[in-house]
Amino acid sequence: MGERDFEYRLASGEVILIDGAMGTELQRRGVPMDKVAWSAAAIASHPEVIQQVHEDYIRAGASVTIANTFSTARHVLAQAKLGERVVELNRRAVELAKQARDAAADGREVLIAGSMSSFMPENAKDRAVMPDAAFASYREQAEVLAEAGVDLIALEMMHDVAFTVYALEAALATGLPVWVGFSCRLADDGETVLLRCDDIDAPFADAVDKVMAVGGVVAGVMHSDVSVMVPALETLRTRWPGPAMAYPHSGRFIMPEWQFVNVISPEDYLVEAQKWVAMGVQIIGGCCGIGPDHIRLLSERLPKHLPGQQPTRQCEDAVGDVAEEELQQLPK
């Protein structure tokens, strides 16, 4: 398994599948969600279910599986009285993803992403973290994830420019590839804005410009309703020339449980995903409400490459000199 191989797959225009949701899939399978730290407590209480969820996504066709570290930063775990277990829980989450890959990948290249998010406990005193504390918390989590052996770091549900930059700088310091997933909504006037909790309409386009200037190799729209994806991705493609990602949710959240209300069917999700691929989005998965059946149908029915793109010798130049015999062995 090599980062260079995966870079080649991206450069060649291959459509890459990420997994679906972890927290809501655990909930579907009867795992209780913590009222403060949501899915983080399951790392200790139900590790075997977490591993099985990873395995199911990998067998469904995912080439990237995201470790269950969405809500395991210190500023979250401390509120759940689990602050002393930050290192243990992050390492264990990565270990479970690795074990699932070993059990289910069947020789395919599957990367492990460490998740860092904007998740904030409902019982946080002021629903915010001071800048110095936020950066320290993200830096600690990023370092633990890197030491645990993730292949990349995915910043999920980024909807505040300042805090996204804190998380991004912490992740970039590890030297790992960083994927940035913004959360969006449509304002009353139809403009795509960040999904802020304080009702401030921060233009998505401006956020992409400011954040991606700091770094990151992939930008995408994550943890946003399926209905927002097309306008949000249209905005993204006008501001970001690199690989783009789509990772929406379906349903709604009432802490600590996801409400499986009108969750999109795998068939309808496929129709939406086909639109995203036609727009040039090549990294596709799903978050809350999206499960293995959705990913399986995407794997079976989505095109294998972006429109008009097939592997060429020019892709070799994009990732450096790769030996001819290595190119012949890359996943098709």
C-alpha atoms as a PDB file:
ATOM      1  CA  MET A   1       0.000   0.000   0.000  1.00  0.00           C
ATOM      2  CA  GLY A   2       1.520   3.290  -0.972  1.00  0.00           C
ATOM      3  CA  GLU A   3       0.672   6.965  -0.829  1.00  0.00           C
ATOM      4  CA  ARG A   4       2.238   7.300  -4.293  1.00  0.00           C
ATOM      5  CA  ASP A   5      -0.178   4.715  -5.695  1.00  0.00           C
ATOM      6  CA  PHE A   6      -3.117   6.626  -4.282  1.00  0.00           C
ATOM      7  CA  GLU A   7      -1.771   9.910  -5.663  1.00  0.00           C
ATOM      8  CA  TYR A   8      -1.595   8.252  -9.068  1.00  0.00           C
ATOM      9  CA  ARG A   9      -5.217   7.143  -8.774  1.00  0.00           C
ATOM     10  CA  LEU A  10      -6.278  10.710  -7.989  1.00  0.00           C
ATOM     11  CA  ALA A  11      -4.137  12.177 -10.777  1.00  0.00           C
ATOM     12  CA  SER A  12      -5.582   9.703 -13.276  1.00  0.00           C
ATOM     13  CA  GLY A  13      -9.127  10.890 -12.541  1.00  0.00           C
ATOM     14  CA  GLU A  14     -10.252   7.712 -10.818  1.00  0.00           C
ATOM     15  CA  VAL A  15     -13.454   8.011  -8.796  1.00  0.00           C
ATOM     16  CA  ILE A  16     -12.542   7.120  -5.199  1.00  0.00           C
ATOM     17  CA  LEU A  17     -15.121   5.920  -2.690  1.00  0.00           C
ATOM     18  CA  ILE A  18     -14.908   6.806   0.993  1.00  0.00           C
ATOM     19  CA  ASP A  19     -17.015   4.990   3.557  1.00  0.00           C
ATOM     20  CA  GLY A  20     -20.385   6.065   4.913  1.00  0.00           C
ATOM     21  CA  ALA A  21     -21.324   7.174   8.417  1.00  0.00           C
ATOM     22  CA  MET A  22     -19.903   5.615  11.566  1.00  0.00           C
ATOM     23  CA  GLY A  23     -21.930   7.183  14.395  1.00  0.00           C
ATOM     24  CA  THR A  24     -25.348   6.680  12.842  1.00  0.00           C
ATOM     25  CA  GLU A  25     -24.448   3.185  11.671  1.00  0.00           C
ATOM     26  CA  LEU A  26     -23.461   2.278  15.234  1.00  0.00           C
ATOM     27  CA  GLN A  27     -26.786   3.709  16.375  1.00  0.00           C
ATOM     28  CA  ARG A  28     -28.616   1.604  13.756  1.00  0.00           C
ATOM     29  CA  ARG A  29     -26.919  -1.469  15.219  1.00  0.00           C
ATOM     30  CA  GLY A  30     -28.027  -0.738  18.751  1.00  0.00           C
ATOM     31  CA  VAL A  31     -24.951   1.009  20.136  1.00  0.00           C
ATOM     32  CA  PRO A  32     -26.005   3.840  22.473  1.00  0.00           C
ATOM     33  CA  MET A  33     -24.682   7.288  21.681  1.00  0.00           C
ATOM     34  CA  ASP A  34     -23.076   9.243  24.521  1.00  0.00           C
ATOM     35  CA  LYS A  35     -25.026  12.356  25.488  1.00  0.00           C
ATOM     36  CA  VAL A  36     -21.805  14.393  25.446  1.00  0.00           C
ATOM     37  CA  ALA A  37     -19.206  12.696  23.256  1.00  0.00           C
ATOM     38  CA  TRP A  38     -21.610  10.998  20.833  1.00  0.00           C
ATOM     39  CA  SER A  39     -19.842   8.030  19.145  1.00  0.00           C
ATOM     40  CA  ALA A  40     -16.515   8.383  20.991  1.00  0.00           C
ATOM     41  CA  ALA A  41     -17.571   6.326  24.020  1.00  0.00           C
ATOM     42  CA  ALA A  42     -18.299   3.358  21.743  1.00  0.00           C
ATOM     43  CA  ILE A  43     -14.562   2.924  21.158  1.00  0.00           C
ATOM     44  CA  ALA A  44     -14.303   1.540  24.683  1.00  0.00           C
ATOM     45  CA  SER A  45     -17.758  -0.009  25.018  1.00  0.00           C
ATOM     46  CA  HIS A  46     -18.388  -1.549  21.565  1.00  0.00           C
ATOM     47  CA  PRO A  47     -15.083  -1.884  19.687  1.00  0.00           C
ATOM     48  CA  GLU A  48     -16.183  -5.045  17.895  1.00  0.00           C
ATOM     49  CA  VAL A  49     -19.160  -3.212  16.339  1.00  0.00           C
ATOM     50  CA  ILE A  50     -16.935  -0.352  15.183  1.00  0.00           C
ATOM     51  CA  GLN A  51     -14.607  -2.813  13.475  1.00  0.00           C
ATOM     52  CA  GLN A  52     -17.539  -4.580  11.820  1.00  0.00           C
ATOM     53  CA  VAL A  53     -18.874  -1.280  10.456  1.00  0.00           C
ATOM     54  CA  HIS A  54     -15.451  -0.534   8.946  1.00  0.00           C
ATOM     55  CA  GLU A  55     -15.324  -4.015   7.438  1.00  0.00           C
ATOM     56  CA  ASP A  56     -18.777  -3.648   5.930  1.00  0.00           C
ATOM     57  CA  TYR A  57     -17.824  -0.394   4.223  1.00  0.00           C
ATOM     58  CA  ILE A  58     -14.574  -1.812   2.890  1.00  0.00           C
ATOM     59  CA  ARG A  59     -16.359  -4.881   1.514  1.00  0.00           C
ATOM     60  CA  ALA A  60     -18.947  -2.542  -0.009  1.00  0.00           C
ATOM     61  CA  GLY A  61     -16.159  -0.907  -2.043  1.00  0.00           C
ATOM     62  CA  ALA A  62     -14.717   1.939   0.029  1.00  0.00           C
ATOM     63  CA  SER A  63     -11.064   2.735  -0.687  1.00  0.00           C
ATOM     64  CA  VAL A  64     -10.835   5.117   2.287  1.00  0.00           C
ATOM     65  CA  THR A  65     -12.233   4.366   5.727  1.00  0.00           C
ATOM     66  CA  ILE A  66     -12.386   7.085   8.363  1.00  0.00           C
ATOM     67  CA  ALA A  67     -11.445   6.109  11.916  1.00  0.00           C
ATOM     68  CA  ASN A  68     -14.029   6.813  14.619  1.00  0.00           C
ATOM     69  CA  THR A  69     -12.195   9.896  15.914  1.00  0.00           C
ATOM     70  CA  PHE A  70     -14.781  12.500  14.898  1.00  0.00           C
ATOM     71  CA  SER A  71     -15.482  13.383  18.555  1.00  0.00           C
ATOM     72  CA  THR A  72     -12.276  12.323  20.309  1.00  0.00           C
ATOM     73  CA  ALA A  73     -10.400  15.633  20.633  1.00  0.00           C
ATOM     74  CA  ARG A  74      -9.550  16.586  24.216  1.00  0.00           C
ATOM     75  CA  HIS A  75     -11.980  19.522  24.326  1.00  0.00           C
ATOM     76  CA  VAL A  76     -14.791  17.031  23.629  1.00  0.00           C
ATOM     77  CA  LEU A  77     -13.662  14.103  25.765  1.00  0.00           C
ATOM     78  CA  ALA A  78     -12.965  16.353  28.746  1.00  0.00           C
ATOM     79  CA  GLN A  79     -16.617  17.392  28.795  1.00  0.00           C
ATOM     80  CA  ALA A  80     -17.550  13.698  28.928  1.00  0.00           C
ATOM     81  CA  LYS A  81     -15.065  13.092  31.777  1.00  0.00           C
ATOM     82  CA  LEU A  82     -12.896  11.067  29.401  1.00  0.00           C
ATOM     83  CA  GLY A  83     -10.096  13.605  29.028  1.00  0.00           C
ATOM     84  CA  GLU A  84      -7.469  11.295  30.520  1.00  0.00           C
ATOM     85  CA  ARG A  85      -8.226   8.744  27.776  1.00  0.00           C
ATOM     86  CA  VAL A  86      -7.528  10.957  24.737  1.00  0.00           C
ATOM     87  CA  VAL A  87      -4.445   9.066  23.587  1.00  0.00           C
ATOM     88  CA  GLU A  88      -5.913   5.647  24.332  1.00  0.00           C
ATOM     89  CA  LEU A  89      -9.217   6.215  22.520  1.00  0.00           C
ATOM     90  CA  ASN A  90      -7.675   7.823  19.427  1.00  0.00           C
ATOM     91  CA  ARG A  91      -5.099   5.052  19.097  1.00  0.00           C
ATOM     92  CA  ARG A  92      -7.717   2.355  19.618  1.00  0.00           C
ATOM     93  CA  ALA A  93      -9.994   3.867  16.978  1.00  0.00           C
ATOM     94  CA  VAL A  94      -7.191   3.767  14.413  1.00  0.00           C
ATOM     95  CA  GLU A  95      -6.292   0.233  15.440  1.00  0.00           C
ATOM     96  CA  LEU A  96      -9.874  -0.913  14.827  1.00  0.00           C
ATOM     97  CA  ALA A  97      -9.836   0.622  11.345  1.00  0.00           C
ATOM     98  CA  LYS A  98      -6.551  -1.124  10.578  1.00  0.00           C
ATOM     99  CA  GLN A  99      -7.841  -4.461  11.817  1.00  0.00           C
ATOM    100  CA  ALA A 100     -10.899  -4.043   9.608  1.00  0.00           C
ATOM    101  CA  ARG A 101      -8.700  -3.304   6.609  1.00  0.00           C
ATOM    102  CA  ASP A 102      -6.632  -6.406   7.278  1.00  0.00           C
ATOM    103  CA  ALA A 103      -9.791  -8.496   7.506  1.00  0.00           C
ATOM    104  CA  ALA A 104     -11.761  -7.082   4.598  1.00  0.00           C
ATOM    105  CA  ALA A 105      -9.580  -5.363   1.990  1.00  0.00           C
ATOM    106  CA  ASP A 106      -8.728  -8.611   0.178  1.00  0.00           C
ATOM    107  CA  GLY A 107      -5.624  -7.142  -1.400  1.00  0.00           C
ATOM    108  CA  ARG A 108      -7.187  -3.798  -2.397  1.00  0.00           C
ATOM    109  CA  GLU A 109      -5.494  -0.571  -1.426  1.00  0.00           C
ATOM    110  CA  VAL A 110      -7.514   0.982   1.414  1.00  0.00           C
ATOM    111  CA  LEU A 111      -6.329   4.090   3.230  1.00  0.00           C
ATOM    112  CA  ILE A 112      -7.101   4.960   6.841  1.00  0.00           C
ATOM    113  CA  ALA A 113      -8.118   8.567   7.503  1.00  0.00           C
ATOM    114  CA  GLY A 114      -7.975  10.105  10.938  1.00  0.00           C
ATOM    115  CA  SER A 115     -10.957  12.370  11.559  1.00  0.00           C
ATOM    116  CA  MET A 116     -10.720  15.765  13.237  1.00  0.00           C
ATOM    117  CA  SER A 117     -13.902  17.796  13.490  1.00  0.00           C
ATOM    118  CA  SER A 118     -15.651  20.871  14.784  1.00  0.00           C
ATOM    119  CA  PHE A 119     -17.846  18.696  17.019  1.00  0.00           C
ATOM    120  CA  MET A 120     -18.681  20.470  20.266  1.00  0.00           C
ATOM    121  CA  PRO A 121     -20.484  18.951  23.263  1.00  0.00           C
ATOM    122  CA  GLU A 122     -23.901  20.366  24.011  1.00  0.00           C
ATOM    123  CA  ASN A 123     -22.849  20.874  27.635  1.00  0.00           C
ATOM    124  CA  ALA A 124     -19.778  22.973  26.809  1.00  0.00           C
ATOM    125  CA  LYS A 125     -20.145  26.092  28.934  1.00  0.00           C
ATOM    126  CA  ASP A 126     -20.096  28.620  26.131  1.00  0.00           C
ATOM    127  CA  ARG A 127     -20.210  26.267  23.102  1.00  0.00           C
ATOM    128  CA  ALA A 128     -16.776  27.496  22.118  1.00  0.00           C
ATOM    129  CA  VAL A 129     -13.111  26.844  22.834  1.00  0.00           C
ATOM    130  CA  MET A 130     -10.567  29.618  23.271  1.00  0.00           C
ATOM    131  CA  PRO A 131      -8.138  29.803  20.335  1.00  0.00           C
ATOM    132  CA  ASP A 132      -5.037  28.647  22.240  1.00  0.00           C
ATOM    133  CA  ALA A 133      -6.928  25.740  23.789  1.00  0.00           C
ATOM    134  CA  ALA A 134      -8.455  24.782  20.441  1.00  0.00           C
ATOM    135  CA  PHE A 135      -5.102  24.712  18.677  1.00  0.00           C
ATOM    136  CA  ALA A 136      -3.522  22.693  21.493  1.00  0.00           C
ATOM    137  CA  SER A 137      -6.389  20.207  21.419  1.00  0.00           C
ATOM    138  CA  TYR A 138      -6.210  19.760  17.653  1.00  0.00           C
ATOM    139  CA  ARG A 139      -2.418  19.548  17.688  1.00  0.00           C
ATOM    140  CA  GLU A 140      -2.532  16.801  20.305  1.00  0.00           C
ATOM    141  CA  GLN A 141      -5.121  14.825  18.358  1.00  0.00           C
ATOM    142  CA  ALA A 142      -3.283  15.228  15.055  1.00  0.00           C
ATOM    143  CA  GLU A 143      -0.026  14.008  16.570  1.00  0.00           C
ATOM    144  CA  VAL A 144      -1.688  10.982  18.164  1.00  0.00           C
ATOM    145  CA  LEU A 145      -3.422  10.070  14.898  1.00  0.00           C
ATOM    146  CA  ALA A 146      -0.170  10.368  12.955  1.00  0.00           C
ATOM    147  CA  GLU A 147       1.705   8.254  15.493  1.00  0.00           C
ATOM    148  CA  ALA A 148      -1.083   5.661  15.347  1.00  0.00           C
ATOM    149  CA  GLY A 149      -0.436   5.270  11.632  1.00  0.00           C
ATOM    150  CA  VAL A 150      -3.234   6.966   9.696  1.00  0.00           C
ATOM    151  CA  ASP A 151      -2.532   7.611   6.021  1.00  0.00           C
ATOM    152  CA  LEU A 152      -4.190  11.024   5.946  1.00  0.00           C
ATOM    153  CA  ILE A 153      -6.214  13.389   8.123  1.00  0.00           C
ATOM    154  CA  ALA A 154      -9.760  14.386   7.210  1.00  0.00           C
ATOM    155  CA  LEU A 155     -11.087  17.613   8.685  1.00  0.00           C
ATOM    156  CA  GLU A 156     -14.828  17.050   8.982  1.00  0.00           C
ATOM    157  CA  MET A 157     -17.740  19.438   9.430  1.00  0.00           C
ATOM    158  CA  MET A 158     -15.620  22.568   9.152  1.00  0.00           C
ATOM    159  CA  HIS A 159     -17.980  25.550   9.428  1.00  0.00           C
ATOM    160  CA  ASP A 160     -15.907  28.249  11.127  1.00  0.00           C
ATOM    161  CA  VAL A 161     -12.940  29.687   9.247  1.00  0.00           C
ATOM    162  CA  ALA A 162     -10.841  30.514  12.326  1.00  0.00           C
ATOM    163  CA  PHE A 163     -11.227  27.114  13.948  1.00  0.00           C
ATOM    164  CA  THR A 164     -10.792  25.343  10.629  1.00  0.00           C
ATOM    165  CA  VAL A 165      -7.424  27.048  10.268  1.00  0.00           C
ATOM    166  CA  TYR A 166      -6.433  25.927  13.791  1.00  0.00           C
ATOM    167  CA  ALA A 167      -7.295  22.322  12.916  1.00  0.00           C
ATOM    168  CA  LEU A 168      -5.676  22.558   9.486  1.00  0.00           C
ATOM    169  CA  GLU A 169      -2.399  23.957  10.792  1.00  0.00           C
ATOM    170  CA  ALA A 170      -2.267  21.249  13.443  1.00  0.00           C
ATOM    171  CA  ALA A 171      -2.933  18.529  10.860  1.00  0.00           C
ATOM    172  CA  LEU A 172      -0.442  19.909   8.331  1.00  0.00           C
ATOM    173  CA  ALA A 173       2.285  19.894  10.979  1.00  0.00           C
ATOM    174  CA  THR A 174       2.201  16.076  10.926  1.00  0.00           C
ATOM    175  CA  GLY A 175       3.333  16.019   7.302  1.00  0.00           C
ATOM    176  CA  LEU A 176       0.355  13.874   6.317  1.00  0.00           C
ATOM    177  CA  PRO A 177      -2.015  14.706   3.436  1.00  0.00           C
ATOM    178  CA  VAL A 178      -4.982  16.710   4.731  1.00  0.00           C
ATOM    179  CA  TRP A 179      -8.497  16.671   3.270  1.00  0.00           C
ATOM    180  CA  VAL A 180     -10.748  19.584   4.243  1.00  0.00           C
ATOM    181  CA  GLY A 181     -14.502  19.014   4.426  1.00  0.00           C
ATOM    182  CA  PHE A 182     -16.669  22.128   4.757  1.00  0.00           C
ATOM    183  CA  SER A 183     -20.262  22.096   5.994  1.00  0.00           C
ATOM    184  CA  CYS A 184     -22.691  24.328   4.112  1.00  0.00           C
ATOM    185  CA  ARG A 185     -26.293  25.443   3.861  1.00  0.00           C
ATOM    186  CA  LEU A 186     -28.270  27.737   1.588  1.00  0.00           C
ATOM    187  CA  ALA A 187     -29.020  31.231   2.866  1.00  0.00           C
ATOM    188  CA  ASP A 188     -32.419  32.827   2.341  1.00  0.00           C
ATOM    189  CA  ASP A 189     -31.129  34.538  -0.795  1.00  0.00           C
ATOM    190  CA  GLY A 190     -29.867  31.235  -2.230  1.00  0.00           C
ATOM    191  CA  GLU A 191     -26.176  31.880  -1.570  1.00  0.00           C
ATOM    192  CA  THR A 192     -24.123  28.956  -0.311  1.00  0.00           C
ATOM    193  CA  VAL A 193     -22.830  29.796   3.156  1.00  0.00           C
ATOM    194  CA  LEU A 194     -21.084  27.954   5.959  1.00  0.00           C
ATOM    195  CA  LEU A 195     -23.279  25.979   8.336  1.00  0.00           C
ATOM    196  CA  ARG A 196     -22.578  28.216  11.311  1.00  0.00           C
ATOM    197  CA  CYS A 197     -24.287  27.767  14.675  1.00  0.00           C
ATOM    198  CA  ASP A 198     -24.561  31.527  15.269  1.00  0.00           C
ATOM    199  CA  ASP A 199     -26.715  32.352  12.219  1.00  0.00           C
ATOM    200  CA  ILE A 200     -23.969  34.409  10.601  1.00  0.00           C
ATOM    201  CA  ASP A 201     -24.014  33.951   6.819  1.00  0.00           C
ATOM    202  CA  ALA A 202     -20.339  33.426   6.016  1.00  0.00           C
ATOM    203  CA  PRO A 203     -19.963  32.982   2.228  1.00  0.00           C
ATOM    204  CA  PHE A 204     -18.665  29.523   1.358  1.00  0.00           C
ATOM    205  CA  ALA A 205     -16.563  30.870  -1.507  1.00  0.00           C
ATOM    206  CA  ASP A 206     -14.645  33.181   0.828  1.00  0.00           C
ATOM    207  CA  ALA A 207     -14.087  30.324   3.277  1.00  0.00           C
ATOM    208  CA  VAL A 208     -12.597  28.118   0.574  1.00  0.00           C
ATOM    209  CA  ASP A 209     -10.234  30.895  -0.480  1.00  0.00           C
ATOM    210  CA  LYS A 210      -9.045  31.615   3.057  1.00  0.00           C
ATOM    211  CA  VAL A 211      -8.719  28.050   4.276  1.00  0.00           C
ATOM    212  CA  MET A 212      -7.242  26.334   1.239  1.00  0.00           C
ATOM    213  CA  ALA A 213      -4.606  29.067   0.965  1.00  0.00           C
ATOM    214  CA  VAL A 214      -3.216  27.614   4.197  1.00  0.00           C
ATOM    215  CA  GLY A 215      -2.907  24.097   2.787  1.00  0.00           C
ATOM    216  CA  GLY A 216      -4.657  20.822   2.090  1.00  0.00           C
ATOM    217  CA  VAL A 217      -4.687  18.483  -0.909  1.00  0.00           C
ATOM    218  CA  VAL A 218      -8.441  17.838  -1.167  1.00  0.00           C
ATOM    219  CA  ALA A 219     -11.394  20.153  -0.521  1.00  0.00           C
ATOM    220  CA  GLY A 220     -14.977  19.048  -0.256  1.00  0.00           C
ATOM    221  CA  VAL A 221     -18.464  19.444   1.122  1.00  0.00           C
ATOM    222  CA  MET A 222     -19.121  17.194   4.109  1.00  0.00           C
ATOM    223  CA  HIS A 223     -21.825  16.936   6.782  1.00  0.00           C
ATOM    224  CA  SER A 224     -24.228  18.961   4.664  1.00  0.00           C
ATOM    225  CA  ASP A 225     -27.682  17.940   3.470  1.00  0.00           C
ATOM    226  CA  VAL A 226     -27.871  16.133   0.147  1.00  0.00           C
ATOM    227  CA  SER A 227     -30.084  18.937  -1.180  1.00  0.00           C
ATOM    228  CA  VAL A 228     -27.267  21.478  -0.735  1.00  0.00           C
ATOM    229  CA  MET A 229     -24.604  19.525  -2.553  1.00  0.00           C
ATOM    230  CA  VAL A 230     -25.005  20.699  -6.146  1.00  0.00           C
ATOM    231  CA  PRO A 231     -24.888  24.461  -5.450  1.00  0.00           C
ATOM    232  CA  ALA A 232     -22.161  23.974  -2.839  1.00  0.00           C
ATOM    233  CA  LEU A 233     -20.039  21.885  -5.179  1.00  0.00           C
ATOM    234  CA  GLU A 234     -20.589  24.385  -7.985  1.00  0.00           C
ATOM    235  CA  THR A 235     -19.180  27.081  -5.705  1.00  0.00           C
ATOM    236  CA  LEU A 236     -16.293  24.858  -4.650  1.00  0.00           C
ATOM    237  CA  ARG A 237     -15.307  24.105  -8.243  1.00  0.00           C
ATOM    238  CA  THR A 238     -15.047  27.843  -9.012  1.00  0.00           C
ATOM    239  CA  ARG A 239     -12.554  28.363  -6.164  1.00  0.00           C
ATOM    240  CA  TRP A 240     -10.625  25.095  -5.849  1.00  0.00           C
ATOM    241  CA  PRO A 241      -8.835  23.439  -8.814  1.00  0.00           C
ATOM    242  CA  GLY A 242      -7.703  20.318  -6.956  1.00  0.00           C
ATOM    243  CA  PRO A 243      -9.470  17.034  -6.160  1.00  0.00           C
ATOM    244  CA  ALA A 244     -12.985  17.604  -4.820  1.00  0.00           C
ATOM    245  CA  MET A 245     -14.980  15.522  -2.355  1.00  0.00           C
ATOM    246  CA  ALA A 246     -18.696  14.989  -1.606  1.00  0.00           C
ATOM    247  CA  TYR A 247     -19.739  13.479   1.741  1.00  0.00           C
ATOM    248  CA  PRO A 248     -23.298  14.594   2.648  1.00  0.00           C
ATOM    249  CA  HIS A 249     -25.784  13.470   5.268  1.00  0.00           C
ATOM    250  CA  SER A 250     -29.466  12.576   5.159  1.00  0.00           C
ATOM    251  CA  GLY A 251     -31.801  13.029   8.121  1.00  0.00           C
ATOM    252  CA  ARG A 252     -31.267  15.312  11.109  1.00  0.00           C
ATOM    253  CA  PHE A 253     -29.603  15.362  14.513  1.00  0.00           C
ATOM    254  CA  ILE A 254     -31.127  15.833  17.949  1.00  0.00           C
ATOM    255  CA  MET A 255     -28.323  15.268  20.440  1.00  0.00           C
ATOM    256  CA  PRO A 256     -27.343  12.539  21.132  1.00  0.00           C
ATOM    257  CA  GLU A 257     -29.204  10.621  18.408  1.00  0.00           C
ATOM    258  CA  TRP A 258     -29.610  10.885  14.671  1.00  0.00           C
ATOM    259  CA  GLN A 259     -33.176  11.114  13.467  1.00  0.00           C
ATOM    260  CA  PHE A 260     -33.595   8.762  10.520  1.00  0.00           C
ATOM    261  CA  VAL A 261     -36.307  10.917   8.931  1.00  0.00           C
ATOM    262  CA  ASN A 262     -36.714  10.681   5.165  1.00  0.00           C
ATOM    263  CA  VAL A 263     -33.227   9.218   4.710  1.00  0.00           C
ATOM    264  CA  ILE A 264     -32.429   9.050   1.024  1.00  0.00           C
ATOM    265  CA  SER A 265     -32.571   5.599  -0.560  1.00  0.00           C
ATOM    266  CA  PRO A 266     -29.418   4.046  -2.054  1.00  0.00           C
ATOM    267  CA  GLU A 267     -30.990   4.321  -5.507  1.00  0.00           C
ATOM    268  CA  ASP A 268     -31.763   8.026  -5.160  1.00  0.00           C
ATOM    269  CA  TYR A 269     -28.340   8.608  -3.616  1.00  0.00           C
ATOM    270  CA  LEU A 270     -26.756   7.056  -6.685  1.00  0.00           C
ATOM    271  CA  VAL A 271     -28.649   9.507  -8.905  1.00  0.00           C
ATOM    272  CA  GLU A 272     -27.283  12.423  -6.867  1.00  0.00           C
ATOM    273  CA  ALA A 273     -23.751  11.013  -6.850  1.00  0.00           C
ATOM    274  CA  GLN A 274     -23.821  10.675 -10.623  1.00  0.00           C
ATOM    275  CA  LYS A 275     -24.469  14.430 -10.790  1.00  0.00           C
ATOM    276  CA  TRP A 276     -21.450  15.098  -8.589  1.00  0.00           C
ATOM    277  CA  VAL A 277     -19.171  12.952 -10.734  1.00  0.00           C
ATOM    278  CA  ALA A 278     -20.407  14.790 -13.839  1.00  0.00           C
ATOM    279  CA  MET A 279     -19.325  18.016 -12.077  1.00  0.00           C
ATOM    280  CA  GLY A 280     -15.791  16.678 -11.649  1.00  0.00           C
ATOM    281  CA  VAL A 281     -16.066  15.438  -8.055  1.00  0.00           C
ATOM    282  CA  GLN A 282     -14.019  12.293  -7.709  1.00  0.00           C
ATOM    283  CA  ILE A 283     -14.023  11.470  -3.976  1.00  0.00           C
ATOM    284  CA  ILE A 284     -17.466  10.386  -2.786  1.00  0.00           C
ATOM    285  CA  GLY A 285     -18.906   8.858   0.369  1.00  0.00           C
ATOM    286  CA  GLY A 286     -21.486   9.850   2.930  1.00  0.00           C
ATOM    287  CA  CYS A 287     -21.885  10.783   6.572  1.00  0.00           C
ATOM    288  CA  CYS A 288     -24.849  10.621   8.949  1.00  0.00           C
ATOM    289  CA  GLY A 289     -27.671   8.447   7.654  1.00  0.00           C
ATOM    290  CA  ILE A 290     -25.629   6.987   4.775  1.00  0.00           C
ATOM    291  CA  GLY A 291     -24.796   3.289   5.228  1.00  0.00           C
ATOM    292  CA  PRO A 292     -23.098   0.313   3.568  1.00  0.00           C
ATOM    293  CA  ASP A 293     -25.955  -0.250   1.114  1.00  0.00           C
ATOM    294  CA  HIS A 294     -25.466   3.264  -0.258  1.00  0.00           C
ATOM    295  CA  ILE A 295     -21.719   2.756  -0.690  1.00  0.00           C
ATOM    296  CA  ARG A 296     -22.192  -0.667  -2.265  1.00  0.00           C
ATOM    297  CA  LEU A 297     -24.495   0.698  -4.953  1.00  0.00           C
ATOM    298  CA  LEU A 298     -22.089   3.559  -5.675  1.00  0.00           C
ATOM    299  CA  SER A 299     -19.292   1.019  -6.060  1.00  0.00           C
ATOM    300  CA  GLU A 300     -21.355  -1.026  -8.494  1.00  0.00           C
ATOM    301  CA  ARG A 301     -22.826   1.758 -10.580  1.00  0.00           C
ATOM    302  CA  LEU A 302     -20.719   4.915 -10.536  1.00  0.00           C
ATOM    303  CA  PRO A 303     -18.253   5.411 -13.402  1.00  0.00           C
ATOM    304  CA  LYS A 304     -14.726   4.400 -12.523  1.00  0.00           C
ATOM    305  CA  HIS A 305     -13.212   7.646 -13.815  1.00  0.00           C
ATOM    306  CA  LEU A 306     -14.268  11.251 -14.189  1.00  0.00           C
ATOM    307  CA  PRO A 307     -15.801  12.137 -17.564  1.00  0.00           C
ATOM    308  CA  GLY A 308     -13.173  12.349 -20.248  1.00  0.00           C
ATOM    309  CA  GLN A 309     -10.365  11.112 -17.997  1.00  0.00           C
ATOM    310  CA  GLN A 310      -8.533   7.813 -18.214  1.00  0.00           C
ATOM    311  CA  PRO A 311      -5.090   6.840 -16.907  1.00  0.00           C
ATOM    312  CA  THR A 312      -2.371   8.298 -19.122  1.00  0.00           C
ATOM    313  CA  ARG A 313       1.382   8.691 -19.069  1.00  0.00           C
ATOM    314  CA  GLN A 314       0.826  12.352 -18.123  1.00  0.00           C
ATOM    315  CA  CYS A 315      -0.460  11.159 -14.756  1.00  0.00           C
ATOM    316  CA  GLU A 316       2.968   9.705 -14.120  1.00  0.00           C
ATOM    317  CA  ASP A 317       4.439  13.194 -14.389  1.00  0.00           C
ATOM    318  CA  ALA A 318       1.928  14.480 -11.853  1.00  0.00           C
ATOM    319  CA  VAL A 319       3.226  12.180  -9.126  1.00  0.00           C
ATOM    320  CA  GLY A 320       6.856  11.781 -10.101  1.00  0.00           C
ATOM    321  CA  ASP A 321       8.816   9.073 -11.817  1.00  0.00           C
ATOM    322  CA  VAL A 322       7.127   5.751 -11.230  1.00  0.00           C
ATOM    323  CA  ALA A 323       8.684   2.592 -12.616  1.00  0.00           C
ATOM    324  CA  GLU A 324       6.795   0.999 -15.499  1.00  0.00           C
ATOM    325  CA  GLU A 325       6.404  -2.293 -13.686  1.00  0.00           C
ATOM    326  CA  GLU A 326       4.821  -0.451 -10.734  1.00  0.00           C
ATOM    327  CA  LEU A 327       2.342   1.268 -13.036  1.00  0.00           C
ATOM    328  CA  GLN A 328       1.213  -2.099 -14.356  1.00  0.00           C
ATOM    329  CA  GLN A 329       0.366  -3.217 -10.827  1.00  0.00           C
ATOM    330  CA  LEU A 330      -1.730  -0.186  -9.838  1.00  0.00           C
ATOM    331  CA  PRO A 331      -5.440  -0.796  -9.125  1.00  0.00           C
ATOM    332  CA  LYS A 332      -7.620  -0.428 -12.213  1.00  0.00           C
END
